[in-house]
Amino acid sequence: MKKMAGTASAWSLSAAEARKRIREAARRAVQRIGEFQPWRIEGPVELRFEYHPEKKEGVEKEVPPRVYKGANVLEAYREWLKR
């Protein structure tokens, strides 16, 4: 957890406190594992990354979207990894 302290600084947890909180949250989640169901997405799947135009010397440069497709999420993700 971070809290803004200034325009370029922040107050944050120590590494030890952060680890302690993460472990405790993970322990609580594991104890509740039976309450959760897998998240399923029917295929085919398309991962689409759209970028905001870049401005260089006052000229906008359009960046076309990048699209990665697969029969399921894992296949689309693997296509993205090949980029």
PDB file of N, CA and C in Angstrom:
ATOM      1  N   MET A   1       0.848  -1.161   0.000  1.00  0.00           N
ATOM      2  CA  MET A   1       0.000   0.000   0.000  1.00  0.00           C
ATOM      3  C   MET A   1       0.900   1.232   0.000  1.00  0.00           C
ATOM      4  N   LYS A   2       0.586   2.167  -0.890  1.00  0.00           N
ATOM      5  CA  LYS A   2       1.347   3.405  -0.969  1.00  0.00           C
ATOM      6  C   LYS A   2       0.413   4.586  -0.763  1.00  0.00           C
ATOM      7  N   LYS A   3       0.938   5.600  -0.133  1.00  0.00           N
ATOM      8  CA  LYS A   3       0.211   6.854   0.012  1.00  0.00           C
ATOM      9  C   LYS A   3       1.093   7.965  -0.504  1.00  0.00           C
ATOM     10  N   MET A   4       0.501   8.831  -1.288  1.00  0.00           N
ATOM     11  CA  MET A   4       1.260   9.937  -1.866  1.00  0.00           C
ATOM     12  C   MET A   4       1.784  10.848  -0.760  1.00  0.00           C
ATOM     13  N   ALA A   5       3.073  11.173  -0.865  1.00  0.00           N
ATOM     14  CA  ALA A   5       3.690  12.069   0.108  1.00  0.00           C
ATOM     15  C   ALA A   5       4.070  13.388  -0.556  1.00  0.00           C
ATOM     16  N   GLY A   6       4.214  13.384  -1.852  1.00  0.00           N
ATOM     17  CA  GLY A   6       4.586  14.569  -2.615  1.00  0.00           C
ATOM     18  C   GLY A   6       4.436  14.263  -4.085  1.00  0.00           C
ATOM     19  N   THR A   7       4.875  15.170  -4.925  1.00  0.00           N
ATOM     20  CA  THR A   7       4.713  14.953  -6.371  1.00  0.00           C
ATOM     21  C   THR A   7       5.590  13.823  -6.898  1.00  0.00           C
ATOM     22  N   ALA A   8       6.660  13.505  -6.218  1.00  0.00           N
ATOM     23  CA  ALA A   8       7.552  12.441  -6.682  1.00  0.00           C
ATOM     24  C   ALA A   8       7.955  11.501  -5.556  1.00  0.00           C
ATOM     25  N   SER A   9       7.107  11.395  -4.514  1.00  0.00           N
ATOM     26  CA  SER A   9       7.453  10.522  -3.399  1.00  0.00           C
ATOM     27  C   SER A   9       6.190   9.912  -2.797  1.00  0.00           C
ATOM     28  N   ALA A  10       6.398   8.801  -2.081  1.00  0.00           N
ATOM     29  CA  ALA A  10       5.260   8.115  -1.472  1.00  0.00           C
ATOM     30  C   ALA A  10       5.698   7.430  -0.183  1.00  0.00           C
ATOM     31  N   TRP A  11       4.750   7.272   0.723  1.00  0.00           N
ATOM     32  CA  TRP A  11       4.947   6.465   1.916  1.00  0.00           C
ATOM     33  C   TRP A  11       4.493   5.064   1.542  1.00  0.00           C
ATOM     34  N   SER A  12       5.269   4.062   1.861  1.00  0.00           N
ATOM     35  CA  SER A  12       4.858   2.701   1.531  1.00  0.00           C
ATOM     36  C   SER A  12       5.222   1.759   2.671  1.00  0.00           C
ATOM     37  N   LEU A  13       4.661   0.566   2.625  1.00  0.00           N
ATOM     38  CA  LEU A  13       4.956  -0.451   3.629  1.00  0.00           C
ATOM     39  C   LEU A  13       6.405  -0.909   3.501  1.00  0.00           C
ATOM     40  N   SER A  14       6.949  -1.373   4.609  1.00  0.00           N
ATOM     41  CA  SER A  14       8.273  -1.994   4.531  1.00  0.00           C
ATOM     42  C   SER A  14       8.127  -3.321   3.809  1.00  0.00           C
ATOM     43  N   ALA A  15       9.200  -3.849   3.290  1.00  0.00           N
ATOM     44  CA  ALA A  15       9.151  -5.136   2.588  1.00  0.00           C
ATOM     45  C   ALA A  15       8.649  -6.224   3.532  1.00  0.00           C
ATOM     46  N   ALA A  16       9.088  -6.210   4.781  1.00  0.00           N
ATOM     47  CA  ALA A  16       8.663  -7.230   5.752  1.00  0.00           C
ATOM     48  C   ALA A  16       7.161  -7.147   6.008  1.00  0.00           C
ATOM     49  N   GLU A  17       6.630  -5.952   6.174  1.00  0.00           N
ATOM     50  CA  GLU A  17       5.195  -5.789   6.420  1.00  0.00           C
ATOM     51  C   GLU A  17       4.387  -6.184   5.192  1.00  0.00           C
ATOM     52  N   ALA A  18       4.867  -5.834   4.020  1.00  0.00           N
ATOM     53  CA  ALA A  18       4.172  -6.214   2.783  1.00  0.00           C
ATOM     54  C   ALA A  18       4.117  -7.730   2.659  1.00  0.00           C
ATOM     55  N   ARG A  19       5.248  -8.408   2.889  1.00  0.00           N
ATOM     56  CA  ARG A  19       5.273  -9.878   2.834  1.00  0.00           C
ATOM     57  C   ARG A  19       4.300 -10.476   3.834  1.00  0.00           C
ATOM     58  N   LYS A  20       4.268  -9.938   5.044  1.00  0.00           N
ATOM     59  CA  LYS A  20       3.365 -10.431   6.090  1.00  0.00           C
ATOM     60  C   LYS A  20       1.909 -10.320   5.634  1.00  0.00           C
ATOM     61  N   ARG A  21       1.538  -9.182   5.077  1.00  0.00           N
ATOM     62  CA  ARG A  21       0.156  -8.973   4.641  1.00  0.00           C
ATOM     63  C   ARG A  21      -0.213  -9.861   3.453  1.00  0.00           C
ATOM     64  N   ILE A  22       0.732 -10.045   2.530  1.00  0.00           N
ATOM     65  CA  ILE A  22       0.485 -10.909   1.371  1.00  0.00           C
ATOM     66  C   ILE A  22       0.290 -12.351   1.823  1.00  0.00           C
ATOM     67  N   ARG A  23       1.153 -12.820   2.734  1.00  0.00           N
ATOM     68  CA  ARG A  23       1.025 -14.197   3.231  1.00  0.00           C
ATOM     69  C   ARG A  23      -0.311 -14.408   3.936  1.00  0.00           C
ATOM     70  N   GLU A  24      -0.722 -13.437   4.748  1.00  0.00           N
ATOM     71  CA  GLU A  24      -1.989 -13.548   5.471  1.00  0.00           C
ATOM     72  C   GLU A  24      -3.166 -13.567   4.496  1.00  0.00           C
ATOM     73  N   ALA A  25      -3.155 -12.713   3.499  1.00  0.00           N
ATOM     74  CA  ALA A  25      -4.238 -12.693   2.510  1.00  0.00           C
ATOM     75  C   ALA A  25      -4.260 -14.005   1.719  1.00  0.00           C
ATOM     76  N   ALA A  26      -3.100 -14.532   1.372  1.00  0.00           N
ATOM     77  CA  ALA A  26      -3.024 -15.801   0.638  1.00  0.00           C
ATOM     78  C   ALA A  26      -3.556 -16.941   1.505  1.00  0.00           C
ATOM     79  N   ARG A  27      -3.220 -16.940   2.795  1.00  0.00           N
ATOM     80  CA  ARG A  27      -3.709 -17.971   3.702  1.00  0.00           C
ATOM     81  C   ARG A  27      -5.237 -17.944   3.766  1.00  0.00           C
ATOM     82  N   ARG A  28      -5.821 -16.751   3.888  1.00  0.00           N
ATOM     83  CA  ARG A  28      -7.285 -16.626   3.935  1.00  0.00           C
ATOM     84  C   ARG A  28      -7.916 -17.109   2.627  1.00  0.00           C
ATOM     85  N   ALA A  29      -7.296 -16.778   1.497  1.00  0.00           N
ATOM     86  CA  ALA A  29      -7.827 -17.201   0.195  1.00  0.00           C
ATOM     87  C   ALA A  29      -7.799 -18.712   0.063  1.00  0.00           C
ATOM     88  N   VAL A  30      -6.705 -19.349   0.480  1.00  0.00           N
ATOM     89  CA  VAL A  30      -6.592 -20.807   0.382  1.00  0.00           C
ATOM     90  C   VAL A  30      -7.637 -21.478   1.271  1.00  0.00           C
ATOM     91  N   GLN A  31      -7.912 -20.915   2.433  1.00  0.00           N
ATOM     92  CA  GLN A  31      -8.929 -21.484   3.315  1.00  0.00           C
ATOM     93  C   GLN A  31     -10.322 -21.429   2.683  1.00  0.00           C
ATOM     94  N   ARG A  32     -10.547 -20.487   1.767  1.00  0.00           N
ATOM     95  CA  ARG A  32     -11.857 -20.309   1.128  1.00  0.00           C
ATOM     96  C   ARG A  32     -11.902 -20.899  -0.284  1.00  0.00           C
ATOM     97  N   ILE A  33     -10.929 -21.684  -0.672  1.00  0.00           N
ATOM     98  CA  ILE A  33     -10.796 -22.141  -2.050  1.00  0.00           C
ATOM     99  C   ILE A  33     -12.061 -22.826  -2.568  1.00  0.00           C
ATOM    100  N   GLY A  34     -12.783 -23.511  -1.712  1.00  0.00           N
ATOM    101  CA  GLY A  34     -13.998 -24.202  -2.124  1.00  0.00           C
ATOM    102  C   GLY A  34     -15.126 -23.271  -2.538  1.00  0.00           C
ATOM    103  N   GLU A  35     -15.021 -22.002  -2.193  1.00  0.00           N
ATOM    104  CA  GLU A  35     -16.061 -21.028  -2.537  1.00  0.00           C
ATOM    105  C   GLU A  35     -15.924 -20.493  -3.967  1.00  0.00           C
ATOM    106  N   PHE A  36     -14.830 -20.800  -4.618  1.00  0.00           N
ATOM    107  CA  PHE A  36     -14.547 -20.217  -5.924  1.00  0.00           C
ATOM    108  C   PHE A  36     -14.701 -21.237  -7.042  1.00  0.00           C
ATOM    109  N   GLN A  37     -15.148 -20.778  -8.183  1.00  0.00           N
ATOM    110  CA  GLN A  37     -15.267 -21.603  -9.383  1.00  0.00           C
ATOM    111  C   GLN A  37     -14.313 -21.049 -10.443  1.00  0.00           C
ATOM    112  N   PRO A  38     -13.797 -21.927 -11.308  1.00  0.00           N
ATOM    113  CA  PRO A  38     -12.910 -21.429 -12.374  1.00  0.00           C
ATOM    114  C   PRO A  38     -13.651 -20.458 -13.287  1.00  0.00           C
ATOM    115  N   TRP A  39     -12.941 -19.491 -13.783  1.00  0.00           N
ATOM    116  CA  TRP A  39     -13.485 -18.518 -14.724  1.00  0.00           C
ATOM    117  C   TRP A  39     -13.287 -19.077 -16.116  1.00  0.00           C
ATOM    118  N   ARG A  40     -14.371 -19.305 -16.850  1.00  0.00           N
ATOM    119  CA  ARG A  40     -14.277 -19.922 -18.175  1.00  0.00           C
ATOM    120  C   ARG A  40     -14.723 -18.930 -19.244  1.00  0.00           C
ATOM    121  N   ILE A  41     -13.990 -18.927 -20.339  1.00  0.00           N
ATOM    122  CA  ILE A  41     -14.326 -18.095 -21.490  1.00  0.00           C
ATOM    123  C   ILE A  41     -14.448 -19.025 -22.683  1.00  0.00           C
ATOM    124  N   GLU A  42     -15.588 -18.993 -23.334  1.00  0.00           N
ATOM    125  CA  GLU A  42     -15.791 -19.816 -24.523  1.00  0.00           C
ATOM    126  C   GLU A  42     -14.991 -19.222 -25.683  1.00  0.00           C
ATOM    127  N   GLY A  43     -14.400 -20.075 -26.519  1.00  0.00           N
ATOM    128  CA  GLY A  43     -13.623 -19.608 -27.651  1.00  0.00           C
ATOM    129  C   GLY A  43     -14.474 -19.429 -28.887  1.00  0.00           C
ATOM    130  N   PRO A  44     -13.927 -18.940 -29.957  1.00  0.00           N
ATOM    131  CA  PRO A  44     -12.544 -18.487 -30.086  1.00  0.00           C
ATOM    132  C   PRO A  44     -12.308 -17.183 -29.333  1.00  0.00           C
ATOM    133  N   VAL A  45     -11.038 -16.905 -29.088  1.00  0.00           N
ATOM    134  CA  VAL A  45     -10.641 -15.749 -28.291  1.00  0.00           C
ATOM    135  C   VAL A  45      -9.750 -14.831 -29.121  1.00  0.00           C
ATOM    136  N   GLU A  46      -9.914 -13.547 -28.907  1.00  0.00           N
ATOM    137  CA  GLU A  46      -9.091 -12.541 -29.577  1.00  0.00           C
ATOM    138  C   GLU A  46      -8.557 -11.582 -28.519  1.00  0.00           C
ATOM    139  N   LEU A  47      -7.232 -11.479 -28.409  1.00  0.00           N
ATOM    140  CA  LEU A  47      -6.608 -10.474 -27.555  1.00  0.00           C
ATOM    141  C   LEU A  47      -6.294  -9.281 -28.439  1.00  0.00           C
ATOM    142  N   ARG A  48      -6.807  -8.122 -28.086  1.00  0.00           N
ATOM    143  CA  ARG A  48      -6.628  -6.932 -28.924  1.00  0.00           C
ATOM    144  C   ARG A  48      -6.001  -5.837 -28.077  1.00  0.00           C
ATOM    145  N   PHE A  49      -4.863  -5.337 -28.527  1.00  0.00           N
ATOM    146  CA  PHE A  49      -4.159  -4.265 -27.838  1.00  0.00           C
ATOM    147  C   PHE A  49      -4.256  -3.009 -28.690  1.00  0.00           C
ATOM    148  N   GLU A  50      -4.881  -1.982 -28.141  1.00  0.00           N
ATOM    149  CA  GLU A  50      -5.012  -0.712 -28.851  1.00  0.00           C
ATOM    150  C   GLU A  50      -4.153   0.325 -28.138  1.00  0.00           C
ATOM    151  N   TYR A  51      -3.448   1.128 -28.915  1.00  0.00           N
ATOM    152  CA  TYR A  51      -2.522   2.105 -28.370  1.00  0.00           C
ATOM    153  C   TYR A  51      -2.992   3.518 -28.679  1.00  0.00           C
ATOM    154  N   HIS A  52      -2.701   4.418 -27.776  1.00  0.00           N
ATOM    155  CA  HIS A  52      -3.008   5.827 -28.009  1.00  0.00           C
ATOM    156  C   HIS A  52      -2.003   6.387 -29.015  1.00  0.00           C
ATOM    157  N   PRO A  53      -2.442   7.302 -29.859  1.00  0.00           N
ATOM    158  CA  PRO A  53      -1.512   7.881 -30.836  1.00  0.00           C
ATOM    159  C   PRO A  53      -0.324   8.547 -30.135  1.00  0.00           C
ATOM    160  N   GLU A  54       0.831   8.420 -30.741  1.00  0.00           N
ATOM    161  CA  GLU A  54       2.033   9.071 -30.225  1.00  0.00           C
ATOM    162  C   GLU A  54       2.183  10.430 -30.889  1.00  0.00           C
ATOM    163  N   LYS A  55       2.629  11.400 -30.132  1.00  0.00           N
ATOM    164  CA  LYS A  55       2.893  12.717 -30.717  1.00  0.00           C
ATOM    165  C   LYS A  55       4.397  12.948 -30.730  1.00  0.00           C
ATOM    166  N   LYS A  56       4.927  13.111 -31.931  1.00  0.00           N
ATOM    167  CA  LYS A  56       6.348  13.415 -32.081  1.00  0.00           C
ATOM    168  C   LYS A  56       6.453  14.666 -32.926  1.00  0.00           C
ATOM    169  N   GLU A  57       7.057  15.684 -32.377  1.00  0.00           N
ATOM    170  CA  GLU A  57       7.234  16.966 -33.072  1.00  0.00           C
ATOM    171  C   GLU A  57       5.905  17.492 -33.587  1.00  0.00           C
ATOM    172  N   GLY A  58       4.837  17.353 -32.743  1.00  0.00           N
ATOM    173  CA  GLY A  58       3.529  17.890 -33.094  1.00  0.00           C
ATOM    174  C   GLY A  58       2.728  17.062 -34.066  1.00  0.00           C
ATOM    175  N   VAL A  59       3.251  15.917 -34.498  1.00  0.00           N
ATOM    176  CA  VAL A  59       2.552  15.069 -35.469  1.00  0.00           C
ATOM    177  C   VAL A  59       2.122  13.785 -34.761  1.00  0.00           C
ATOM    178  N   GLU A  60       0.813  13.468 -34.895  1.00  0.00           N
ATOM    179  CA  GLU A  60       0.327  12.226 -34.302  1.00  0.00           C
ATOM    180  C   GLU A  60       0.694  11.044 -35.180  1.00  0.00           C
ATOM    181  N   LYS A  61       1.199  10.017 -34.568  1.00  0.00           N
ATOM    182  CA  LYS A  61       1.542   8.790 -35.300  1.00  0.00           C
ATOM    183  C   LYS A  61       0.568   7.707 -34.856  1.00  0.00           C
ATOM    184  N   GLU A  62      -0.265   7.256 -35.778  1.00  0.00           N
ATOM    185  CA  GLU A  62      -1.229   6.202 -35.472  1.00  0.00           C
ATOM    186  C   GLU A  62      -0.503   4.870 -35.336  1.00  0.00           C
ATOM    187  N   VAL A  63      -0.856   4.142 -34.307  1.00  0.00           N
ATOM    188  CA  VAL A  63      -0.309   2.803 -34.109  1.00  0.00           C
ATOM    189  C   VAL A  63      -1.459   1.827 -34.281  1.00  0.00           C
ATOM    190  N   PRO A  64      -1.396   0.962 -35.286  1.00  0.00           N
ATOM    191  CA  PRO A  64      -2.517   0.035 -35.503  1.00  0.00           C
ATOM    192  C   PRO A  64      -2.642  -0.942 -34.337  1.00  0.00           C
ATOM    193  N   PRO A  65      -3.872  -1.394 -34.061  1.00  0.00           N
ATOM    194  CA  PRO A  65      -4.036  -2.363 -32.970  1.00  0.00           C
ATOM    195  C   PRO A  65      -3.326  -3.664 -33.295  1.00  0.00           C
ATOM    196  N   ARG A  66      -2.909  -4.350 -32.271  1.00  0.00           N
ATOM    197  CA  ARG A  66      -2.284  -5.662 -32.441  1.00  0.00           C
ATOM    198  C   ARG A  66      -3.287  -6.699 -31.945  1.00  0.00           C
ATOM    199  N   VAL A  67      -3.513  -7.721 -32.751  1.00  0.00           N
ATOM    200  CA  VAL A  67      -4.527  -8.723 -32.450  1.00  0.00           C
ATOM    201  C   VAL A  67      -3.888 -10.114 -32.450  1.00  0.00           C
ATOM    202  N   TYR A  68      -4.188 -10.889 -31.420  1.00  0.00           N
ATOM    203  CA  TYR A  68      -3.681 -12.253 -31.295  1.00  0.00           C
ATOM    204  C   TYR A  68      -4.893 -13.156 -31.090  1.00  0.00           C
ATOM    205  N   LYS A  69      -5.021 -14.214 -31.913  1.00  0.00           N
ATOM    206  CA  LYS A  69      -6.207 -15.062 -31.893  1.00  0.00           C
ATOM    207  C   LYS A  69      -5.861 -16.496 -31.522  1.00  0.00           C
ATOM    208  N   GLY A  70      -6.854 -17.180 -30.950  1.00  0.00           N
ATOM    209  CA  GLY A  70      -6.687 -18.585 -30.626  1.00  0.00           C
ATOM    210  C   GLY A  70      -8.038 -19.232 -30.378  1.00  0.00           C
ATOM    211  N   ALA A  71      -8.051 -20.552 -30.356  1.00  0.00           N
ATOM    212  CA  ALA A  71      -9.284 -21.288 -30.083  1.00  0.00           C
ATOM    213  C   ALA A  71      -9.719 -21.099 -28.634  1.00  0.00           C
ATOM    214  N   ASN A  72      -8.750 -20.744 -27.775  1.00  0.00           N
ATOM    215  CA  ASN A  72      -9.039 -20.491 -26.364  1.00  0.00           C
ATOM    216  C   ASN A  72      -8.052 -19.448 -25.840  1.00  0.00           C
ATOM    217  N   VAL A  73      -8.202 -19.086 -24.580  1.00  0.00           N
ATOM    218  CA  VAL A  73      -7.354 -18.037 -23.999  1.00  0.00           C
ATOM    219  C   VAL A  73      -5.881 -18.433 -24.057  1.00  0.00           C
ATOM    220  N   LEU A  74      -5.575 -19.674 -23.732  1.00  0.00           N
ATOM    221  CA  LEU A  74      -4.179 -20.114 -23.720  1.00  0.00           C
ATOM    222  C   LEU A  74      -3.542 -20.009 -25.107  1.00  0.00           C
ATOM    223  N   GLU A  75      -4.274 -20.396 -26.146  1.00  0.00           N
ATOM    224  CA  GLU A  75      -3.731 -20.289 -27.505  1.00  0.00           C
ATOM    225  C   GLU A  75      -3.489 -18.837 -27.903  1.00  0.00           C
ATOM    226  N   ALA A  76      -4.432 -17.948 -27.590  1.00  0.00           N
ATOM    227  CA  ALA A  76      -4.253 -16.529 -27.913  1.00  0.00           C
ATOM    228  C   ALA A  76      -3.066 -15.957 -27.152  1.00  0.00           C
ATOM    229  N   TYR A  77      -2.924 -16.341 -25.909  1.00  0.00           N
ATOM    230  CA  TYR A  77      -1.806 -15.883 -25.077  1.00  0.00           C
ATOM    231  C   TYR A  77      -0.474 -16.368 -25.667  1.00  0.00           C
ATOM    232  N   ARG A  78      -0.442 -17.606 -26.120  1.00  0.00           N
ATOM    233  CA  ARG A  78       0.787 -18.142 -26.718  1.00  0.00           C
ATOM    234  C   ARG A  78       1.144 -17.391 -28.006  1.00  0.00           C
ATOM    235  N   GLU A  79       0.124 -16.999 -28.778  1.00  0.00           N
ATOM    236  CA  GLU A  79       0.379 -16.198 -29.971  1.00  0.00           C
ATOM    237  C   GLU A  79       0.996 -14.857 -29.590  1.00  0.00           C
ATOM    238  N   TRP A  80       0.483 -14.254 -28.523  1.00  0.00           N
ATOM    239  CA  TRP A  80       1.025 -12.983 -28.046  1.00  0.00           C
ATOM    240  C   TRP A  80       2.480 -13.149 -27.614  1.00  0.00           C
ATOM    241  N   LEU A  81       2.790 -14.264 -26.957  1.00  0.00           N
ATOM    242  CA  LEU A  81       4.170 -14.510 -26.511  1.00  0.00           C
ATOM    243  C   LEU A  81       5.154 -14.597 -27.676  1.00  0.00           C
ATOM    244  N   LYS A  82       4.673 -15.030 -28.841  1.00  0.00           N
ATOM    245  CA  LYS A  82       5.538 -15.162 -30.033  1.00  0.00           C
ATOM    246  C   LYS A  82       5.907 -13.814 -30.635  1.00  0.00           C
ATOM    247  N   ARG A  83       5.183 -12.761 -30.288  1.00  0.00           N
ATOM    248  CA  ARG A  83       5.355 -11.458 -30.926  1.00  0.00           C
ATOM    249  C   ARG A  83       6.778 -11.114 -31.059  1.00  0.00           C
TER     250      ARG A  83
END
